Amino acid sequence: MTNSRLRWTAPAVSLLLLVTACGSQGETANADGAGQPEGAHPADAVVFQMTSIGGFGMPSALASRIPALSVYGDGRVISEGPTILIYPGPALPNLQVHPIAPEDVSTLLESARAAGVDGAVDFGTPALADAPTTRFTVRGANGTEQIDVPALTEAGDDAPGLTADQRAARTRLRAFVASLTGESGLLAPAKGDSAKPYVPTAVAGITDLPAEGSAARGDSPSDVVFDINNPWPGPTLPGEPLGSGNGPGCVTVTGDALQTLIAAAAGETATTPWTSDGKNWTVQLRPLLPDETSCGDLVANG
């Protein structure tokens, strides 16, 4: 029995229908890139992604999580850079981007499938409560595949609920992940081509409840500051709920308002209250990635 969950997205289904209908005519390409040769992907299409979903945490924190690694059709690699070890952390995450060569994109996809990210390997589900799931997305000639591996990093070799084969498969997959960003890894920046800050075209503002007694500035909980001169530059908070009606609110900030927000957030922390419509809100700022356009793209993170 296979516990890991495999998903085929719409491009893969469309391709199967197209091949069935056209048969020997060889019409295997479509507008979303499915059926194209390996490496011929749209620039903003995710070809490989590793992200964490589910687990225990505030809904706003779960929805605002950033994929550990995102690789796009044009070779851009986006990941979170070094983070200063303070609490609360900066308002905006330190996202970085660097390129890899087209042949490295193809090698990455081949290596991912060899490591089991192709739906054919049973990684099992360990008996570990509240652990997040690592989701892998891999794009290829037949469309996009997604596979979920529960508690990949949290469950050790002695975790209950796994067979010997499942433990071995997880060991291989963890070794593959560890190899990606090492000094000579496929996704490591090339020498002389250091990563640069990722500049988003939109930022999602995610919030649960109005801030009450937030220690926005200062080193102790007694340093409570409600900065009424810190106006929120985007659409009125909290915005529309993510997912179900009980989800956190979310708005998307773009254009001139985005530039104002980035400038204002530069010296703020993740718990800084922002004033919107006469109320103070603690907002999780989540830069949208090239394949994301709105709050709706973040629903699956929770």
Protein backbone atom coordinates (compact mmCIF):
# COMPACT_ATOMS: atom_id res chain seq x y z
CA MET A 1 0.00 0.00 0.00
CA THR A 2 1.37 3.38 -0.94
CA ASN A 3 0.91 6.16 1.63
CA SER A 4 2.62 8.95 -0.28
CA ARG A 5 0.07 10.91 -2.27
CA LEU A 6 0.58 11.61 -5.99
CA ARG A 7 -1.25 14.31 -7.88
CA TRP A 8 -1.43 14.98 -11.61
CA THR A 9 -2.34 18.52 -12.52
CA ALA A 10 -4.47 19.68 -15.43
CA PRO A 11 -1.65 19.82 -18.03
CA ALA A 12 -0.96 16.11 -17.58
CA VAL A 13 -4.62 15.20 -18.07
CA SER A 14 -4.88 17.48 -21.09
CA LEU A 15 -1.84 15.81 -22.63
CA LEU A 16 -3.30 12.32 -22.22
CA LEU A 17 -6.52 13.40 -23.90
CA LEU A 18 -4.63 15.05 -26.72
CA VAL A 19 -2.47 12.01 -27.41
CA THR A 20 -5.54 9.77 -27.42
CA ALA A 21 -7.37 12.05 -29.87
CA CYS A 22 -4.52 12.73 -32.26
CA GLY A 23 -2.75 9.34 -32.20
CA SER A 24 -0.25 9.17 -35.04
CA GLN A 25 -0.51 12.88 -35.88
CA GLY A 26 2.05 13.56 -33.14
CA GLU A 27 0.39 16.69 -31.74
CA THR A 28 1.95 16.53 -28.27
CA ALA A 29 2.53 20.20 -27.39
CA ASN A 30 0.08 22.46 -25.59
CA ALA A 31 0.02 26.03 -24.33
CA ASP A 32 1.16 25.15 -20.81
CA GLY A 33 4.29 23.32 -21.90
CA ALA A 34 3.21 19.72 -21.38
CA GLY A 35 4.55 17.51 -24.13
CA GLN A 36 7.54 19.74 -24.86
CA PRO A 37 11.06 18.29 -24.74
CA GLU A 38 12.78 18.24 -21.35
CA GLY A 39 14.12 21.73 -20.68
CA ALA A 40 11.69 23.54 -23.01
CA HIS A 41 9.49 24.99 -20.28
CA PRO A 42 7.77 28.40 -19.94
CA ALA A 43 10.01 30.86 -18.08
CA ASP A 44 7.67 31.27 -15.09
CA ALA A 45 6.62 27.63 -14.84
CA VAL A 46 7.77 25.69 -11.78
CA VAL A 47 9.90 22.75 -12.95
CA PHE A 48 10.99 21.68 -9.46
CA GLN A 49 9.80 22.80 -6.06
CA MET A 50 10.17 21.60 -2.51
CA THR A 51 7.87 23.10 0.09
CA SER A 52 6.40 22.34 3.49
CA ILE A 53 2.64 22.07 3.95
CA GLY A 54 0.39 21.34 6.90
CA GLY A 55 1.66 20.69 10.38
CA PHE A 56 1.06 22.68 13.53
CA GLY A 57 1.06 26.48 13.57
CA MET A 58 -0.99 29.65 13.28
CA PRO A 59 -3.04 29.69 10.07
CA SER A 60 -1.36 32.91 8.92
CA ALA A 61 2.10 31.42 9.49
CA LEU A 62 1.21 28.23 7.59
CA ALA A 63 -0.22 30.16 4.65
CA SER A 64 2.77 32.49 4.42
CA ARG A 65 5.43 29.76 4.34
CA ILE A 66 7.90 30.03 1.48
CA PRO A 67 9.01 26.99 -0.53
CA ALA A 68 12.48 25.86 0.47
CA LEU A 69 13.47 25.61 -3.21
CA SER A 70 11.75 26.77 -6.39
CA VAL A 71 13.27 26.25 -9.84
CA TYR A 72 11.67 27.83 -12.91
CA GLY A 73 11.69 27.03 -16.61
CA ASP A 74 14.27 29.70 -17.40
CA GLY A 75 16.70 28.36 -14.77
CA ARG A 76 15.95 30.79 -11.95
CA VAL A 77 16.40 29.30 -8.49
CA ILE A 78 14.56 31.09 -5.67
CA SER A 79 15.10 30.25 -2.02
CA GLU A 80 15.27 31.95 1.35
CA GLY A 81 18.71 33.36 2.11
CA PRO A 82 20.47 33.74 5.48
CA THR A 83 18.22 34.96 8.29
CA ILE A 84 19.38 36.91 11.32
CA LEU A 85 18.85 34.95 14.54
CA ILE A 86 16.64 37.38 16.41
CA TYR A 87 13.03 37.34 17.52
CA PRO A 88 10.90 38.73 16.12
CA GLY A 89 12.48 38.42 12.69
CA PRO A 90 12.36 40.96 9.86
CA ALA A 91 9.00 41.86 8.36
CA LEU A 92 10.09 40.74 4.89
CA PRO A 93 11.85 37.40 4.30
CA ASN A 94 15.28 37.40 2.66
CA LEU A 95 14.46 35.78 -0.68
CA GLN A 96 17.33 35.28 -3.11
CA VAL A 97 17.51 34.30 -6.78
CA HIS A 98 20.29 32.96 -9.00
CA PRO A 99 20.39 31.19 -12.38
CA ILE A 100 21.39 27.68 -13.36
CA ALA A 101 22.11 26.42 -16.87
CA PRO A 102 19.41 24.65 -18.98
CA GLU A 103 21.36 21.41 -18.86
CA ASP A 104 21.39 21.64 -15.06
CA VAL A 105 17.60 21.97 -15.06
CA SER A 106 17.36 18.70 -17.03
CA THR A 107 19.85 16.99 -14.73
CA LEU A 108 17.87 18.17 -11.70
CA LEU A 109 14.65 16.65 -13.00
CA GLU A 110 16.36 13.36 -13.81
CA SER A 111 17.97 13.25 -10.37
CA ALA A 112 14.67 14.01 -8.65
CA ARG A 113 12.95 11.14 -10.42
CA ALA A 114 15.85 8.82 -9.62
CA ALA A 115 15.44 9.79 -5.94
CA GLY A 116 11.82 8.62 -6.05
CA VAL A 117 9.94 11.84 -6.77
CA ASP A 118 7.97 10.21 -9.56
CA GLY A 119 5.09 8.59 -7.72
CA ALA A 120 6.50 5.07 -8.01
CA VAL A 121 8.11 4.93 -4.55
CA ASP A 122 6.31 4.29 -1.25
CA PHE A 123 7.73 6.60 1.42
CA GLY A 124 5.15 5.62 4.02
CA THR A 125 3.54 7.68 6.76
CA PRO A 126 5.34 7.61 10.12
CA ALA A 127 3.39 7.68 13.37
CA LEU A 128 4.34 11.27 14.20
CA ALA A 129 1.69 13.80 15.19
CA ASP A 130 1.52 17.39 13.93
CA ALA A 131 4.54 17.05 11.64
CA PRO A 132 4.50 18.95 8.34
CA THR A 133 4.56 17.23 4.97
CA THR A 134 7.24 17.89 2.35
CA ARG A 135 5.66 18.40 -1.07
CA PHE A 136 7.74 17.89 -4.21
CA THR A 137 6.62 19.28 -7.55
CA VAL A 138 8.36 18.04 -10.71
CA ARG A 139 7.54 19.11 -14.25
CA GLY A 140 8.37 17.02 -17.29
CA ALA A 141 7.23 15.95 -20.73
CA ASN A 142 3.97 14.56 -19.34
CA GLY A 143 3.01 17.61 -17.30
CA THR A 144 3.42 18.30 -13.59
CA GLU A 145 3.54 15.72 -10.81
CA GLN A 146 3.21 16.36 -7.09
CA ILE A 147 4.14 13.92 -4.37
CA ASP A 148 3.75 14.44 -0.61
CA VAL A 149 6.11 12.84 1.91
CA PRO A 150 4.89 13.20 5.52
CA ALA A 151 7.50 14.13 8.15
CA LEU A 152 10.46 13.70 5.79
CA THR A 153 12.91 15.63 7.97
CA GLU A 154 11.16 15.13 11.33
CA ALA A 155 10.98 11.32 11.30
CA GLY A 156 14.35 9.71 12.02
CA ASP A 157 15.50 6.23 11.08
CA ASP A 158 13.80 4.80 14.16
CA ALA A 159 10.41 6.48 13.62
CA PRO A 160 7.52 4.04 14.16
CA GLY A 161 5.12 3.11 11.40
CA LEU A 162 7.66 2.62 8.58
CA THR A 163 8.89 -0.50 6.85
CA ALA A 164 12.56 -1.15 6.09
CA ASP A 165 11.99 -0.30 2.41
CA GLN A 166 10.26 2.95 3.32
CA ARG A 167 13.11 3.95 5.63
CA ALA A 168 15.63 3.23 2.87
CA ALA A 169 13.60 5.27 0.36
CA ARG A 170 13.46 8.20 2.77
CA THR A 171 17.21 8.01 3.36
CA ARG A 172 17.83 8.24 -0.40
CA LEU A 173 15.43 11.14 -0.75
CA ARG A 174 17.00 13.06 2.15
CA ALA A 175 20.44 12.51 0.60
CA PHE A 176 19.16 13.91 -2.69
CA VAL A 177 17.73 17.00 -0.96
CA ALA A 178 20.97 17.56 0.98
CA SER A 179 22.98 17.34 -2.24
CA LEU A 180 21.09 20.12 -4.00
CA THR A 181 22.47 23.18 -2.22
CA GLY A 182 25.90 21.97 -1.09
CA GLU A 183 28.99 23.77 -2.29
CA SER A 184 28.99 21.79 -5.54
CA GLY A 185 25.27 21.03 -5.58
CA LEU A 186 23.08 21.41 -8.66
CA LEU A 187 21.27 24.39 -7.14
CA ALA A 188 24.26 26.12 -5.56
CA PRO A 189 25.14 29.52 -7.07
CA ALA A 190 28.00 29.29 -9.57
CA LYS A 191 31.31 30.88 -8.65
CA GLY A 192 31.25 34.56 -9.53
CA ASP A 193 27.46 34.44 -9.86
CA SER A 194 26.27 35.04 -6.33
CA ALA A 195 22.59 35.11 -5.48
CA LYS A 196 20.80 38.44 -5.71
CA PRO A 197 17.76 39.70 -3.81
CA TYR A 198 14.48 38.53 -5.29
CA VAL A 199 12.30 41.51 -6.22
CA PRO A 200 8.61 40.52 -6.20
CA THR A 201 5.91 42.17 -8.30
CA ALA A 202 3.34 41.47 -5.57
CA VAL A 203 3.30 40.78 -1.84
CA ALA A 204 0.48 39.08 0.06
CA GLY A 205 -0.45 40.47 3.45
CA ILE A 206 -1.88 37.70 5.67
CA THR A 207 -3.44 38.33 9.06
CA ASP A 208 -5.51 36.41 11.61
CA LEU A 209 -6.75 38.93 14.15
CA PRO A 210 -6.18 42.58 15.09
CA ALA A 211 -2.96 43.08 17.07
CA GLU A 212 -3.47 43.47 20.81
CA GLY A 213 -0.48 44.42 22.94
CA SER A 214 2.11 43.47 20.31
CA ALA A 215 5.71 44.19 21.24
CA ALA A 216 6.36 45.88 17.94
CA ARG A 217 9.57 47.56 19.00
CA GLY A 218 11.74 47.03 22.07
CA ASP A 219 13.37 44.06 23.69
CA SER A 220 10.77 43.01 26.22
CA PRO A 221 7.02 42.33 26.27
CA SER A 222 6.56 45.48 28.36
CA ASP A 223 7.72 47.61 25.43
CA VAL A 224 4.29 47.65 23.84
CA VAL A 225 3.95 50.08 20.97
CA PHE A 226 0.89 50.69 18.84
CA ASP A 227 2.31 52.79 16.04
CA ILE A 228 -0.68 54.70 14.72
CA ASN A 229 1.71 56.44 12.33
CA ASN A 230 2.50 53.14 10.57
CA PRO A 231 -0.31 53.04 7.99
CA TRP A 232 -0.87 49.97 5.88
CA PRO A 233 -0.36 51.04 2.24
CA GLY A 234 -2.30 48.20 0.60
CA PRO A 235 -5.98 47.22 0.36
CA THR A 236 -7.98 47.44 3.58
CA LEU A 237 -7.18 44.68 6.07
CA PRO A 238 -7.98 41.91 6.77
CA GLY A 239 -9.17 41.31 3.21
CA GLU A 240 -10.90 38.14 2.02
CA PRO A 241 -10.46 34.90 4.00
CA LEU A 242 -8.10 32.28 2.63
CA GLY A 243 -9.68 28.93 1.97
CA SER A 244 -12.68 28.41 4.21
CA GLY A 245 -14.58 31.25 5.83
CA ASN A 246 -12.55 30.74 9.02
CA GLY A 247 -9.18 31.17 7.30
CA PRO A 248 -6.89 34.17 7.81
CA GLY A 249 -7.54 37.31 5.85
CA CYS A 250 -5.37 38.13 2.86
CA VAL A 251 -4.80 41.03 0.49
CA THR A 252 -2.42 41.41 -2.46
CA VAL A 253 -0.28 44.54 -2.68
CA THR A 254 1.06 45.64 -6.08
CA GLY A 255 2.23 48.71 -8.00
CA ASP A 256 3.01 51.93 -6.15
CA ALA A 257 1.51 50.55 -2.92
CA LEU A 258 3.99 47.67 -3.09
CA GLN A 259 6.95 50.01 -3.34
CA THR A 260 5.63 51.97 -0.35
CA LEU A 261 5.18 48.75 1.62
CA ILE A 262 8.69 47.46 0.85
CA ALA A 263 10.21 50.76 1.93
CA ALA A 264 8.11 50.92 5.10
CA ALA A 265 8.78 47.28 6.04
CA ALA A 266 12.55 47.56 5.67
CA GLY A 267 13.06 48.53 9.31
CA GLU A 268 10.15 46.60 10.80
CA THR A 269 9.70 43.14 12.31
CA ALA A 270 7.21 40.35 11.72
CA THR A 271 5.17 41.50 14.75
CA THR A 272 5.01 45.18 13.84
CA PRO A 273 1.37 46.35 13.89
CA TRP A 274 0.06 48.06 10.75
CA THR A 275 -2.88 50.44 10.91
CA SER A 276 -5.77 49.86 8.53
CA ASP A 277 -9.30 51.24 8.83
CA GLY A 278 -8.62 52.43 12.38
CA LYS A 279 -7.38 49.06 13.65
CA ASN A 280 -3.89 47.68 14.26
CA TRP A 281 -3.06 44.39 12.56
CA THR A 282 -0.10 42.02 12.77
CA VAL A 283 0.56 41.04 9.16
CA GLN A 284 2.66 38.22 7.70
CA LEU A 285 4.27 39.55 4.52
CA ARG A 286 4.67 36.88 1.85
CA PRO A 287 6.34 37.88 -1.45
CA LEU A 288 4.57 36.12 -4.32
CA LEU A 289 6.78 33.97 -6.53
CA PRO A 290 6.83 34.16 -10.35
CA ASP A 291 4.13 31.48 -10.72
CA GLU A 292 1.87 33.11 -8.10
CA THR A 293 -0.51 35.98 -8.79
CA SER A 294 -2.84 36.32 -5.82
CA CYS A 295 -3.73 35.17 -2.30
CA GLY A 296 -5.55 32.20 -3.77
CA ASP A 297 -2.23 30.64 -4.73
CA LEU A 298 -1.32 30.32 -1.03
CA VAL A 299 -4.34 28.30 0.07
CA ALA A 300 -2.63 24.92 -0.41
CA ASN A 301 0.18 25.82 2.04
CA GLY A 302 -1.95 25.51 5.12
